[in-house]
Amino acid sequence: MTKKLIWLVVYAAAMAYIESAVVVYLRELYYPAGFTFPVLQTPIRIALIEIGREAATIVMLFAVSWVAFKKGMVRFCAFMLMFGVWDIFYYIWLYVFLGWPPSLTTWDVLFLIPLPWIGPVLAPVIVSVSMIIAAVIIVAVDERRGGFKTACWQWLAVIAAGLLIILSFTIDYRVVIEGTMPGRFRWEIFAAGELSGIAIFISALARSHKFRR
């Protein structure tokens, strides 16, 4: 299990290198002076290809996690682990290549599906670190203590918390579409989703412990 997880981390970091390299090329074409807001309006064909590339990345992460393990919960955790590592290393490689972002408070276009996501780099990094920690803990509990047990309401609550985080990223999506400057990031919405997710995760750990007892 440990060896598999290590190789999945290596795979995710390598995928992040490829994605950051693509972004370097795009910025060389569209932002030769350096990426900044307002976002330039790219041709529809290029935008659609970029959306497809992002979707393909998610499919690749999911496919590898599915092939690597047989148990549903462990597959899900493998996906979370790789997603978190991929996201963090994406910014690490960009910093190596371009010295960007200059700080964790720098704004970025994070994702394009189903709407443009924007926010300071710190926000997705926080989510990624949380996903990595949760994935490692769940796998450890599942492997060593006979399973990680969750109630249906906890799954629904986690989904709701995730939707809050997504809302904090997408609520100002028109900034990208209209080519304007971003305003204030909705940290209160983000914090509500992140802290709710952490609280639900802790309650699920407690439930698993009671189940085993």
N, C-alpha and C. Protein backbone atom coordinates (compact mmCIF):
# COMPACT_ATOMS: atom_id res chain seq x y z
N MET A 1 0.83 -1.20 0.00
CA MET A 1 0.00 0.00 0.00
C MET A 1 0.87 1.26 0.00
N THR A 2 1.87 1.29 0.88
CA THR A 2 2.73 2.48 0.97
C THR A 2 3.48 2.73 -0.33
N LYS A 3 4.00 1.65 -0.93
CA LYS A 3 4.72 1.79 -2.19
C LYS A 3 3.81 2.32 -3.30
N LYS A 4 2.58 1.81 -3.33
CA LYS A 4 1.64 2.28 -4.35
C LYS A 4 1.35 3.76 -4.18
N LEU A 5 1.12 4.17 -2.93
CA LEU A 5 0.81 5.58 -2.68
C LEU A 5 1.99 6.48 -3.06
N ILE A 6 3.20 6.01 -2.78
CA ILE A 6 4.38 6.80 -3.13
C ILE A 6 4.46 6.99 -4.65
N TRP A 7 4.22 5.90 -5.40
CA TRP A 7 4.26 6.01 -6.85
C TRP A 7 3.13 6.89 -7.39
N LEU A 8 1.99 6.87 -6.72
CA LEU A 8 0.89 7.75 -7.14
C LEU A 8 1.27 9.22 -6.92
N VAL A 9 1.98 9.49 -5.83
CA VAL A 9 2.46 10.85 -5.58
C VAL A 9 3.45 11.27 -6.67
N VAL A 10 4.35 10.36 -7.04
CA VAL A 10 5.31 10.66 -8.11
C VAL A 10 4.58 10.93 -9.43
N TYR A 11 3.58 10.11 -9.71
CA TYR A 11 2.79 10.29 -10.93
C TYR A 11 2.09 11.65 -10.94
N ALA A 12 1.48 12.02 -9.83
CA ALA A 12 0.77 13.30 -9.75
C ALA A 12 1.72 14.47 -9.90
N ALA A 13 2.90 14.38 -9.30
CA ALA A 13 3.89 15.45 -9.42
C ALA A 13 4.38 15.57 -10.87
N ALA A 14 4.53 14.44 -11.55
CA ALA A 14 4.95 14.46 -12.96
C ALA A 14 3.85 15.05 -13.84
N MET A 15 2.58 14.70 -13.55
CA MET A 15 1.47 15.30 -14.29
C MET A 15 1.44 16.81 -14.09
N ALA A 16 1.72 17.25 -12.88
CA ALA A 16 1.74 18.68 -12.60
C ALA A 16 2.83 19.38 -13.41
N TYR A 17 3.96 18.70 -13.61
CA TYR A 17 5.03 19.26 -14.43
C TYR A 17 4.54 19.50 -15.86
N ILE A 18 3.83 18.49 -16.41
CA ILE A 18 3.33 18.61 -17.78
C ILE A 18 2.33 19.76 -17.89
N GLU A 19 1.42 19.84 -16.93
CA GLU A 19 0.41 20.90 -16.99
C GLU A 19 1.04 22.27 -16.85
N SER A 20 1.98 22.41 -15.93
CA SER A 20 2.62 23.71 -15.75
C SER A 20 3.43 24.08 -16.99
N ALA A 21 4.01 23.09 -17.67
CA ALA A 21 4.74 23.38 -18.90
C ALA A 21 3.79 23.93 -19.97
N VAL A 22 2.60 23.33 -20.08
CA VAL A 22 1.60 23.83 -21.03
C VAL A 22 1.23 25.27 -20.70
N VAL A 23 1.06 25.57 -19.41
CA VAL A 23 0.70 26.92 -19.00
C VAL A 23 1.83 27.90 -19.32
N VAL A 24 3.07 27.46 -19.19
CA VAL A 24 4.21 28.31 -19.56
C VAL A 24 4.11 28.70 -21.03
N TYR A 25 3.79 27.72 -21.88
CA TYR A 25 3.66 28.02 -23.31
C TYR A 25 2.51 28.99 -23.58
N LEU A 26 1.38 28.76 -22.92
CA LEU A 26 0.22 29.64 -23.11
C LEU A 26 0.52 31.07 -22.66
N ARG A 27 1.21 31.18 -21.55
CA ARG A 27 1.52 32.53 -21.05
C ARG A 27 2.54 33.22 -21.94
N GLU A 28 3.43 32.44 -22.54
CA GLU A 28 4.39 33.02 -23.47
C GLU A 28 3.67 33.60 -24.68
N LEU A 29 2.57 32.96 -25.09
CA LEU A 29 1.81 33.42 -26.24
C LEU A 29 0.89 34.59 -25.90
N TYR A 30 0.18 34.47 -24.76
CA TYR A 30 -0.87 35.44 -24.45
C TYR A 30 -0.45 36.48 -23.39
N TYR A 31 0.53 36.14 -22.56
CA TYR A 31 0.96 37.06 -21.51
C TYR A 31 2.50 37.14 -21.48
N PRO A 32 3.12 37.62 -22.56
CA PRO A 32 4.59 37.66 -22.59
C PRO A 32 5.19 38.53 -21.49
N ALA A 33 4.43 39.49 -21.00
CA ALA A 33 4.93 40.36 -19.92
C ALA A 33 4.62 39.79 -18.54
N GLY A 34 3.96 38.62 -18.49
CA GLY A 34 3.59 38.02 -17.21
C GLY A 34 2.09 38.00 -17.01
N PHE A 35 1.59 36.92 -16.43
CA PHE A 35 0.14 36.78 -16.24
C PHE A 35 -0.36 37.76 -15.19
N THR A 36 -1.50 38.37 -15.51
CA THR A 36 -2.14 39.27 -14.57
C THR A 36 -3.60 39.46 -14.98
N PHE A 37 -4.41 39.91 -14.04
CA PHE A 37 -5.78 40.30 -14.36
C PHE A 37 -5.76 41.74 -14.87
N PRO A 38 -6.71 42.11 -15.74
CA PRO A 38 -7.82 41.32 -16.28
C PRO A 38 -7.35 40.26 -17.26
N VAL A 39 -8.13 39.17 -17.33
CA VAL A 39 -7.79 38.04 -18.18
C VAL A 39 -8.11 38.38 -19.63
N LEU A 40 -7.16 38.06 -20.52
CA LEU A 40 -7.39 38.29 -21.94
C LEU A 40 -8.42 37.30 -22.48
N GLN A 41 -9.21 37.72 -23.42
CA GLN A 41 -10.22 36.85 -24.03
C GLN A 41 -9.57 36.04 -25.16
N THR A 42 -9.39 34.76 -24.94
CA THR A 42 -8.78 33.89 -25.94
C THR A 42 -9.83 33.42 -26.94
N PRO A 43 -9.41 32.99 -28.12
CA PRO A 43 -10.36 32.46 -29.10
C PRO A 43 -11.16 31.29 -28.51
N ILE A 44 -12.41 31.15 -28.94
CA ILE A 44 -13.28 30.09 -28.44
C ILE A 44 -12.65 28.71 -28.62
N ARG A 45 -12.01 28.50 -29.76
CA ARG A 45 -11.40 27.20 -30.04
C ARG A 45 -10.33 26.86 -29.01
N ILE A 46 -9.52 27.84 -28.66
CA ILE A 46 -8.46 27.61 -27.66
C ILE A 46 -9.07 27.39 -26.28
N ALA A 47 -10.10 28.17 -25.96
CA ALA A 47 -10.77 28.01 -24.67
C ALA A 47 -11.37 26.62 -24.52
N LEU A 48 -12.00 26.12 -25.58
CA LEU A 48 -12.60 24.79 -25.53
C LEU A 48 -11.54 23.70 -25.39
N ILE A 49 -10.41 23.89 -26.07
CA ILE A 49 -9.32 22.92 -25.93
C ILE A 49 -8.79 22.92 -24.50
N GLU A 50 -8.70 24.10 -23.91
CA GLU A 50 -8.21 24.21 -22.53
C GLU A 50 -9.18 23.54 -21.55
N ILE A 51 -10.48 23.72 -21.78
CA ILE A 51 -11.48 23.05 -20.94
C ILE A 51 -11.35 21.53 -21.08
N GLY A 52 -11.16 21.07 -22.32
CA GLY A 52 -10.96 19.64 -22.55
C GLY A 52 -9.72 19.11 -21.87
N ARG A 53 -8.67 19.91 -21.87
CA ARG A 53 -7.43 19.48 -21.20
C ARG A 53 -7.64 19.31 -19.71
N GLU A 54 -8.37 20.24 -19.11
CA GLU A 54 -8.65 20.14 -17.67
C GLU A 54 -9.50 18.90 -17.37
N ALA A 55 -10.52 18.65 -18.21
CA ALA A 55 -11.35 17.46 -18.02
C ALA A 55 -10.52 16.19 -18.17
N ALA A 56 -9.61 16.17 -19.15
CA ALA A 56 -8.76 15.01 -19.37
C ALA A 56 -7.85 14.76 -18.18
N THR A 57 -7.39 15.81 -17.55
CA THR A 57 -6.53 15.67 -16.37
C THR A 57 -7.28 14.97 -15.23
N ILE A 58 -8.52 15.38 -14.99
CA ILE A 58 -9.32 14.75 -13.95
C ILE A 58 -9.57 13.28 -14.28
N VAL A 59 -9.85 12.99 -15.55
CA VAL A 59 -10.07 11.60 -15.98
C VAL A 59 -8.81 10.76 -15.74
N MET A 60 -7.66 11.31 -16.05
CA MET A 60 -6.40 10.58 -15.85
C MET A 60 -6.16 10.27 -14.38
N LEU A 61 -6.40 11.24 -13.50
CA LEU A 61 -6.23 11.01 -12.07
C LEU A 61 -7.20 9.95 -11.57
N PHE A 62 -8.44 10.03 -12.02
CA PHE A 62 -9.45 9.06 -11.59
C PHE A 62 -9.12 7.67 -12.12
N ALA A 63 -8.70 7.58 -13.39
CA ALA A 63 -8.41 6.28 -13.99
C ALA A 63 -7.26 5.58 -13.27
N VAL A 64 -6.23 6.30 -12.93
CA VAL A 64 -5.08 5.70 -12.25
C VAL A 64 -5.48 5.23 -10.85
N SER A 65 -6.26 6.03 -10.14
CA SER A 65 -6.69 5.62 -8.80
C SER A 65 -7.59 4.39 -8.88
N TRP A 66 -8.40 4.29 -9.93
CA TRP A 66 -9.29 3.15 -10.11
C TRP A 66 -8.50 1.87 -10.39
N VAL A 67 -7.47 1.99 -11.22
CA VAL A 67 -6.66 0.82 -11.57
C VAL A 67 -5.77 0.37 -10.40
N ALA A 68 -5.31 1.34 -9.61
CA ALA A 68 -4.33 1.04 -8.56
C ALA A 68 -4.93 0.22 -7.42
N PHE A 69 -6.22 0.42 -7.12
CA PHE A 69 -6.83 -0.24 -5.97
C PHE A 69 -8.17 -0.85 -6.34
N LYS A 70 -8.65 -1.76 -5.50
CA LYS A 70 -9.91 -2.44 -5.76
C LYS A 70 -11.04 -1.93 -4.87
N LYS A 71 -10.71 -1.44 -3.70
CA LYS A 71 -11.72 -1.01 -2.75
C LYS A 71 -12.15 0.42 -3.04
N GLY A 72 -13.48 0.66 -3.04
CA GLY A 72 -14.00 1.96 -3.41
C GLY A 72 -13.47 3.11 -2.59
N MET A 73 -13.44 2.96 -1.27
CA MET A 73 -12.98 4.03 -0.40
C MET A 73 -11.51 4.35 -0.65
N VAL A 74 -10.70 3.31 -0.84
CA VAL A 74 -9.27 3.54 -1.08
C VAL A 74 -9.07 4.19 -2.44
N ARG A 75 -9.86 3.80 -3.42
CA ARG A 75 -9.78 4.45 -4.73
C ARG A 75 -10.07 5.95 -4.61
N PHE A 76 -11.11 6.26 -3.86
CA PHE A 76 -11.48 7.66 -3.67
C PHE A 76 -10.35 8.43 -2.97
N CYS A 77 -9.75 7.80 -1.98
CA CYS A 77 -8.65 8.45 -1.26
C CYS A 77 -7.43 8.64 -2.15
N ALA A 78 -7.16 7.63 -3.01
CA ALA A 78 -6.05 7.75 -3.95
C ALA A 78 -6.26 8.93 -4.89
N PHE A 79 -7.51 9.11 -5.33
CA PHE A 79 -7.82 10.25 -6.19
C PHE A 79 -7.60 11.56 -5.44
N MET A 80 -8.09 11.64 -4.20
CA MET A 80 -7.90 12.87 -3.41
C MET A 80 -6.42 13.16 -3.21
N LEU A 81 -5.64 12.12 -2.90
CA LEU A 81 -4.20 12.29 -2.68
C LEU A 81 -3.53 12.83 -3.93
N MET A 82 -3.81 12.21 -5.07
CA MET A 82 -3.18 12.64 -6.32
C MET A 82 -3.63 14.04 -6.73
N PHE A 83 -4.91 14.33 -6.54
CA PHE A 83 -5.42 15.66 -6.88
C PHE A 83 -4.70 16.72 -6.07
N GLY A 84 -4.56 16.47 -4.77
CA GLY A 84 -3.90 17.44 -3.90
C GLY A 84 -2.44 17.64 -4.27
N VAL A 85 -1.73 16.54 -4.51
CA VAL A 85 -0.32 16.63 -4.88
C VAL A 85 -0.16 17.32 -6.23
N TRP A 86 -1.01 16.95 -7.18
CA TRP A 86 -0.97 17.56 -8.51
C TRP A 86 -1.18 19.07 -8.42
N ASP A 87 -2.15 19.51 -7.64
CA ASP A 87 -2.46 20.94 -7.53
C ASP A 87 -1.31 21.70 -6.90
N ILE A 88 -0.75 21.17 -5.83
CA ILE A 88 0.35 21.86 -5.14
C ILE A 88 1.59 21.91 -6.02
N PHE A 89 1.93 20.79 -6.66
CA PHE A 89 3.14 20.76 -7.49
C PHE A 89 2.98 21.59 -8.77
N TYR A 90 1.74 21.77 -9.19
CA TYR A 90 1.51 22.66 -10.34
C TYR A 90 2.07 24.05 -10.03
N TYR A 91 1.79 24.56 -8.84
CA TYR A 91 2.30 25.88 -8.47
C TYR A 91 3.79 25.84 -8.16
N ILE A 92 4.26 24.73 -7.63
CA ILE A 92 5.71 24.61 -7.38
C ILE A 92 6.48 24.68 -8.69
N TRP A 93 6.02 23.93 -9.70
CA TRP A 93 6.71 23.95 -11.00
C TRP A 93 6.61 25.31 -11.67
N LEU A 94 5.44 25.96 -11.56
CA LEU A 94 5.32 27.29 -12.14
C LEU A 94 6.30 28.27 -11.49
N TYR A 95 6.49 28.11 -10.19
CA TYR A 95 7.44 28.99 -9.50
C TYR A 95 8.86 28.70 -9.97
N VAL A 96 9.16 27.42 -10.18
CA VAL A 96 10.49 27.05 -10.68
C VAL A 96 10.73 27.61 -12.08
N PHE A 97 9.70 27.52 -12.94
CA PHE A 97 9.85 27.96 -14.33
C PHE A 97 9.79 29.48 -14.49
N LEU A 98 8.85 30.11 -13.78
CA LEU A 98 8.55 31.52 -14.04
C LEU A 98 8.72 32.43 -12.83
N GLY A 99 8.98 31.85 -11.65
CA GLY A 99 9.00 32.67 -10.45
C GLY A 99 7.61 33.16 -10.08
N TRP A 100 6.59 32.40 -10.53
CA TRP A 100 5.19 32.76 -10.31
C TRP A 100 4.49 31.61 -9.60
N PRO A 101 3.64 31.85 -8.62
CA PRO A 101 3.15 33.15 -8.15
C PRO A 101 4.16 33.82 -7.21
N PRO A 102 4.21 35.15 -7.22
CA PRO A 102 5.13 35.84 -6.32
C PRO A 102 4.77 35.67 -4.86
N SER A 103 3.49 35.41 -4.57
CA SER A 103 3.06 35.15 -3.19
C SER A 103 1.81 34.29 -3.22
N LEU A 104 1.44 33.75 -2.06
CA LEU A 104 0.26 32.90 -1.97
C LEU A 104 -1.04 33.70 -2.06
N THR A 105 -0.95 35.01 -1.98
CA THR A 105 -2.15 35.85 -2.11
C THR A 105 -2.39 36.27 -3.56
N THR A 106 -1.53 35.84 -4.47
CA THR A 106 -1.70 36.17 -5.88
C THR A 106 -2.94 35.49 -6.45
N TRP A 107 -3.72 36.23 -7.22
CA TRP A 107 -4.93 35.67 -7.82
C TRP A 107 -4.59 34.85 -9.06
N ASP A 108 -5.40 33.81 -9.27
CA ASP A 108 -5.19 32.95 -10.43
C ASP A 108 -6.54 32.45 -10.94
N VAL A 109 -6.56 32.06 -12.21
CA VAL A 109 -7.71 31.32 -12.75
C VAL A 109 -7.46 29.86 -12.43
N LEU A 110 -8.27 29.30 -11.54
CA LEU A 110 -7.99 27.98 -10.98
C LEU A 110 -8.52 26.84 -11.83
N PHE A 111 -9.68 27.03 -12.43
CA PHE A 111 -10.35 25.95 -13.14
C PHE A 111 -11.39 26.58 -14.06
N LEU A 112 -11.88 25.81 -15.02
CA LEU A 112 -12.84 26.37 -15.98
C LEU A 112 -14.14 25.59 -16.08
N ILE A 113 -14.28 24.52 -15.29
CA ILE A 113 -15.45 23.63 -15.40
C ILE A 113 -16.28 23.69 -14.11
N PRO A 114 -17.59 23.91 -14.15
CA PRO A 114 -18.40 24.27 -15.33
C PRO A 114 -18.35 25.76 -15.63
N LEU A 115 -17.84 26.54 -14.65
CA LEU A 115 -17.65 27.98 -14.81
C LEU A 115 -16.22 28.31 -14.40
N PRO A 116 -15.71 29.45 -14.81
CA PRO A 116 -14.37 29.83 -14.37
C PRO A 116 -14.27 29.96 -12.85
N TRP A 117 -13.21 29.39 -12.28
CA TRP A 117 -12.92 29.50 -10.85
C TRP A 117 -11.78 30.49 -10.70
N ILE A 118 -11.90 31.42 -9.78
CA ILE A 118 -10.80 32.35 -9.51
C ILE A 118 -10.62 32.48 -8.00
N GLY A 119 -9.42 32.87 -7.63
CA GLY A 119 -9.14 33.07 -6.20
C GLY A 119 -7.66 33.17 -5.96
N PRO A 120 -7.26 33.59 -4.76
CA PRO A 120 -5.84 33.62 -4.42
C PRO A 120 -5.28 32.20 -4.34
N VAL A 121 -4.04 32.03 -4.70
CA VAL A 121 -3.41 30.71 -4.74
C VAL A 121 -3.52 29.99 -3.41
N LEU A 122 -3.49 30.74 -2.31
CA LEU A 122 -3.54 30.14 -0.99
C LEU A 122 -4.77 29.25 -0.79
N ALA A 123 -5.90 29.67 -1.35
CA ALA A 123 -7.15 28.94 -1.13
C ALA A 123 -7.11 27.51 -1.68
N PRO A 124 -6.77 27.28 -2.96
CA PRO A 124 -6.69 25.90 -3.43
C PRO A 124 -5.59 25.10 -2.76
N VAL A 125 -4.52 25.76 -2.35
CA VAL A 125 -3.45 25.04 -1.63
C VAL A 125 -3.97 24.52 -0.30
N ILE A 126 -4.77 25.32 0.41
CA ILE A 126 -5.36 24.87 1.67
C ILE A 126 -6.24 23.64 1.43
N VAL A 127 -7.06 23.70 0.38
CA VAL A 127 -7.93 22.56 0.06
C VAL A 127 -7.09 21.33 -0.27
N SER A 128 -6.04 21.51 -1.04
CA SER A 128 -5.20 20.38 -1.44
C SER A 128 -4.51 19.74 -0.25
N VAL A 129 -3.99 20.55 0.64
CA VAL A 129 -3.35 20.01 1.85
C VAL A 129 -4.37 19.24 2.67
N SER A 130 -5.58 19.75 2.80
CA SER A 130 -6.64 19.07 3.54
C SER A 130 -6.97 17.72 2.91
N MET A 131 -7.04 17.70 1.58
CA MET A 131 -7.35 16.45 0.87
C MET A 131 -6.26 15.41 1.08
N ILE A 132 -5.01 15.84 1.03
CA ILE A 132 -3.89 14.91 1.21
C ILE A 132 -3.91 14.31 2.61
N ILE A 133 -4.08 15.17 3.62
CA ILE A 133 -4.10 14.69 5.00
C ILE A 133 -5.26 13.74 5.23
N ALA A 134 -6.45 14.11 4.75
CA ALA A 134 -7.62 13.26 4.93
C ALA A 134 -7.44 11.92 4.24
N ALA A 135 -6.90 11.93 3.03
CA ALA A 135 -6.70 10.69 2.28
C ALA A 135 -5.75 9.74 3.00
N VAL A 136 -4.64 10.28 3.49
CA VAL A 136 -3.66 9.43 4.19
C VAL A 136 -4.26 8.84 5.46
N ILE A 137 -4.99 9.65 6.21
CA ILE A 137 -5.60 9.16 7.46
C ILE A 137 -6.64 8.10 7.17
N ILE A 138 -7.50 8.32 6.18
CA ILE A 138 -8.54 7.34 5.86
C ILE A 138 -7.93 6.01 5.42
N VAL A 139 -6.91 6.08 4.58
CA VAL A 139 -6.26 4.83 4.12
C VAL A 139 -5.63 4.10 5.29
N ALA A 140 -4.98 4.84 6.19
CA ALA A 140 -4.34 4.22 7.35
C ALA A 140 -5.38 3.54 8.23
N VAL A 141 -6.49 4.22 8.49
CA VAL A 141 -7.56 3.65 9.31
C VAL A 141 -8.17 2.44 8.62
N ASP A 142 -8.39 2.56 7.32
CA ASP A 142 -9.03 1.49 6.57
C ASP A 142 -8.15 0.24 6.53
N GLU A 143 -6.85 0.43 6.37
CA GLU A 143 -5.95 -0.71 6.24
C GLU A 143 -5.61 -1.36 7.57
N ARG A 144 -5.40 -0.56 8.59
CA ARG A 144 -4.88 -1.09 9.86
C ARG A 144 -5.96 -1.39 10.88
N ARG A 145 -7.14 -0.79 10.73
CA ARG A 145 -8.14 -0.93 11.79
C ARG A 145 -9.48 -1.44 11.28
N GLY A 146 -9.48 -2.01 10.08
CA GLY A 146 -10.68 -2.71 9.64
C GLY A 146 -11.76 -1.88 8.99
N GLY A 147 -11.43 -0.72 8.43
CA GLY A 147 -12.43 0.02 7.68
C GLY A 147 -12.73 1.39 8.24
N PHE A 148 -13.03 2.31 7.32
CA PHE A 148 -13.41 3.67 7.68
C PHE A 148 -14.91 3.79 7.45
N LYS A 149 -15.67 3.93 8.51
CA LYS A 149 -17.13 3.91 8.42
C LYS A 149 -17.71 5.32 8.43
N THR A 150 -18.57 5.59 7.45
CA THR A 150 -19.21 6.90 7.39
C THR A 150 -20.72 6.72 7.22
N ALA A 151 -21.47 7.64 7.80
CA ALA A 151 -22.92 7.63 7.66
C ALA A 151 -23.32 8.39 6.40
N CYS A 152 -24.51 8.12 5.93
CA CYS A 152 -25.00 8.79 4.71
C CYS A 152 -25.04 10.29 4.89
N TRP A 153 -25.45 10.76 6.07
CA TRP A 153 -25.54 12.20 6.29
C TRP A 153 -24.17 12.87 6.24
N GLN A 154 -23.13 12.10 6.64
CA GLN A 154 -21.78 12.66 6.59
C GLN A 154 -21.31 12.86 5.15
N TRP A 155 -21.64 11.91 4.29
CA TRP A 155 -21.30 12.08 2.87
C TRP A 155 -22.03 13.29 2.29
N LEU A 156 -23.30 13.41 2.60
CA LEU A 156 -24.08 14.55 2.09
C LEU A 156 -23.53 15.87 2.62
N ALA A 157 -23.13 15.86 3.90
CA ALA A 157 -22.58 17.08 4.50
C ALA A 157 -21.24 17.46 3.88
N VAL A 158 -20.42 16.46 3.57
CA VAL A 158 -19.14 16.72 2.92
C VAL A 158 -19.36 17.32 1.53
N ILE A 159 -20.32 16.77 0.81
CA ILE A 159 -20.65 17.31 -0.52
C ILE A 159 -21.10 18.76 -0.41
N ALA A 160 -21.94 19.05 0.59
CA ALA A 160 -22.41 20.43 0.79
C ALA A 160 -21.24 21.35 1.12
N ALA A 161 -20.31 20.89 1.96
CA ALA A 161 -19.14 21.69 2.30
C ALA A 161 -18.29 21.95 1.06
N GLY A 162 -18.14 20.92 0.23
CA GLY A 162 -17.39 21.09 -1.01
C GLY A 162 -18.04 22.09 -1.94
N LEU A 163 -19.36 22.06 -2.01
CA LEU A 163 -20.08 23.00 -2.86
C LEU A 163 -19.90 24.45 -2.37
N LEU A 164 -19.81 24.62 -1.06
CA LEU A 164 -19.55 25.96 -0.53
C LEU A 164 -18.18 26.47 -0.99
N ILE A 165 -17.20 25.60 -0.94
CA ILE A 165 -15.86 25.98 -1.38
C ILE A 165 -15.87 26.33 -2.86
N ILE A 166 -16.55 25.51 -3.65
CA ILE A 166 -16.64 25.79 -5.08
C ILE A 166 -17.35 27.12 -5.32
N LEU A 167 -18.39 27.39 -4.53
CA LEU A 167 -19.11 28.66 -4.65
C LEU A 167 -18.18 29.83 -4.41
N SER A 168 -17.30 29.72 -3.42
CA SER A 168 -16.38 30.82 -3.13
C SER A 168 -15.45 31.10 -4.31
N PHE A 169 -15.16 30.06 -5.11
CA PHE A 169 -14.30 30.23 -6.28
C PHE A 169 -15.06 30.72 -7.51
N THR A 170 -16.33 30.35 -7.62
CA THR A 170 -17.07 30.62 -8.86
C THR A 170 -18.05 31.80 -8.76
N ILE A 171 -18.26 32.32 -7.57
CA ILE A 171 -19.27 33.36 -7.41
C ILE A 171 -18.95 34.60 -8.24
N ASP A 172 -17.68 34.84 -8.51
CA ASP A 172 -17.28 35.99 -9.33
C ASP A 172 -16.73 35.54 -10.68
N TYR A 173 -17.33 34.53 -11.26
CA TYR A 173 -16.83 33.96 -12.52
C TYR A 173 -16.85 34.97 -13.66
N ARG A 174 -17.73 35.96 -13.58
CA ARG A 174 -17.84 36.93 -14.67
C ARG A 174 -16.57 37.77 -14.82
N VAL A 175 -15.74 37.77 -13.78
CA VAL A 175 -14.46 38.49 -13.89
C VAL A 175 -13.65 37.97 -15.07
N VAL A 176 -13.68 36.66 -15.27
CA VAL A 176 -12.94 36.06 -16.39
C VAL A 176 -13.65 36.31 -17.70
N ILE A 177 -14.96 36.10 -17.73
CA ILE A 177 -15.73 36.23 -18.96
C ILE A 177 -15.74 37.67 -19.47
N GLU A 178 -15.87 38.61 -18.56
CA GLU A 178 -15.97 40.03 -18.95
C GLU A 178 -14.63 40.75 -18.98
N GLY A 179 -13.57 40.09 -18.52
CA GLY A 179 -12.25 40.71 -18.56
C GLY A 179 -12.10 41.88 -17.61
N THR A 180 -12.57 41.71 -16.36
CA THR A 180 -12.48 42.78 -15.37
C THR A 180 -11.53 42.36 -14.25
N MET A 181 -11.33 43.25 -13.31
CA MET A 181 -10.45 42.96 -12.18
C MET A 181 -11.22 42.28 -11.06
N PRO A 182 -10.62 41.30 -10.39
CA PRO A 182 -11.31 40.65 -9.27
C PRO A 182 -11.41 41.59 -8.08
N GLY A 183 -12.47 41.40 -7.30
CA GLY A 183 -12.65 42.20 -6.10
C GLY A 183 -12.12 41.47 -4.87
N ARG A 184 -12.95 41.37 -3.87
CA ARG A 184 -12.55 40.71 -2.63
C ARG A 184 -12.90 39.22 -2.70
N PHE A 185 -11.95 38.37 -2.35
CA PHE A 185 -12.26 36.94 -2.32
C PHE A 185 -13.19 36.65 -1.16
N ARG A 186 -14.16 35.77 -1.38
CA ARG A 186 -15.17 35.47 -0.35
C ARG A 186 -14.62 34.46 0.65
N TRP A 187 -13.70 34.94 1.48
CA TRP A 187 -13.07 34.06 2.47
C TRP A 187 -14.09 33.49 3.45
N GLU A 188 -15.15 34.24 3.74
CA GLU A 188 -16.14 33.75 4.70
C GLU A 188 -16.87 32.51 4.17
N ILE A 189 -17.15 32.49 2.85
CA ILE A 189 -17.79 31.31 2.25
C ILE A 189 -16.80 30.16 2.20
N PHE A 190 -15.57 30.46 1.80
CA PHE A 190 -14.54 29.44 1.74
C PHE A 190 -14.30 28.82 3.11
N ALA A 191 -14.17 29.66 4.13
CA ALA A 191 -13.91 29.16 5.49
C ALA A 191 -15.07 28.31 6.00
N ALA A 192 -16.31 28.70 5.67
CA ALA A 192 -17.47 27.91 6.09
C ALA A 192 -17.40 26.51 5.50
N GLY A 193 -17.05 26.41 4.22
CA GLY A 193 -16.94 25.10 3.59
C GLY A 193 -15.77 24.29 4.11
N GLU A 194 -14.61 24.93 4.24
CA GLU A 194 -13.40 24.22 4.70
C GLU A 194 -13.55 23.74 6.13
N LEU A 195 -14.00 24.60 7.02
CA LEU A 195 -14.13 24.22 8.43
C LEU A 195 -15.24 23.19 8.63
N SER A 196 -16.31 23.30 7.85
CA SER A 196 -17.38 22.31 7.92
C SER A 196 -16.86 20.94 7.48
N GLY A 197 -16.09 20.93 6.40
CA GLY A 197 -15.52 19.68 5.93
C GLY A 197 -14.61 19.03 6.95
N ILE A 198 -13.79 19.84 7.62
CA ILE A 198 -12.89 19.31 8.65
C ILE A 198 -13.69 18.74 9.82
N ALA A 199 -14.73 19.46 10.24
CA ALA A 199 -15.55 18.99 11.35
C ALA A 199 -16.25 17.68 11.01
N ILE A 200 -16.76 17.57 9.80
CA ILE A 200 -17.43 16.33 9.39
C ILE A 200 -16.43 15.18 9.32
N PHE A 201 -15.25 15.46 8.83
CA PHE A 201 -14.21 14.43 8.77
C PHE A 201 -13.87 13.91 10.16
N ILE A 202 -13.74 14.82 11.11
CA ILE A 202 -13.43 14.41 12.49
C ILE A 202 -14.56 13.57 13.07
N SER A 203 -15.80 13.95 12.77
CA SER A 203 -16.95 13.17 13.26
C SER A 203 -16.98 11.78 12.64
N ALA A 204 -16.56 11.68 11.37
CA ALA A 204 -16.50 10.37 10.71
C ALA A 204 -15.41 9.49 11.34
N LEU A 205 -14.29 10.11 11.69
CA LEU A 205 -13.24 9.35 12.39
C LEU A 205 -13.76 8.82 13.72
N ALA A 206 -14.46 9.66 14.45
CA ALA A 206 -15.02 9.24 15.73
C ALA A 206 -16.04 8.11 15.54
N ARG A 207 -16.85 8.20 14.50
CA ARG A 207 -17.83 7.15 14.21
C ARG A 207 -17.15 5.83 13.89
N SER A 208 -16.07 5.90 13.12
CA SER A 208 -15.32 4.68 12.78
C SER A 208 -14.75 4.03 14.03
N HIS A 209 -14.26 4.88 14.95
CA HIS A 209 -13.70 4.35 16.20
C HIS A 209 -14.79 3.65 17.03
N LYS A 210 -15.95 4.26 17.12
CA LYS A 210 -17.06 3.65 17.88
C LYS A 210 -17.52 2.35 17.22
N PHE A 211 -17.54 2.33 15.88
CA PHE A 211 -17.97 1.15 15.16
C PHE A 211 -17.06 -0.02 15.47
N ARG A 212 -15.75 0.25 15.47
CA ARG A 212 -14.78 -0.83 15.74
C ARG A 212 -14.91 -1.31 17.17
N ARG A 213 -15.16 -0.40 18.12
CA ARG A 213 -15.30 -0.80 19.51
C ARG A 213 -16.56 -1.67 19.69
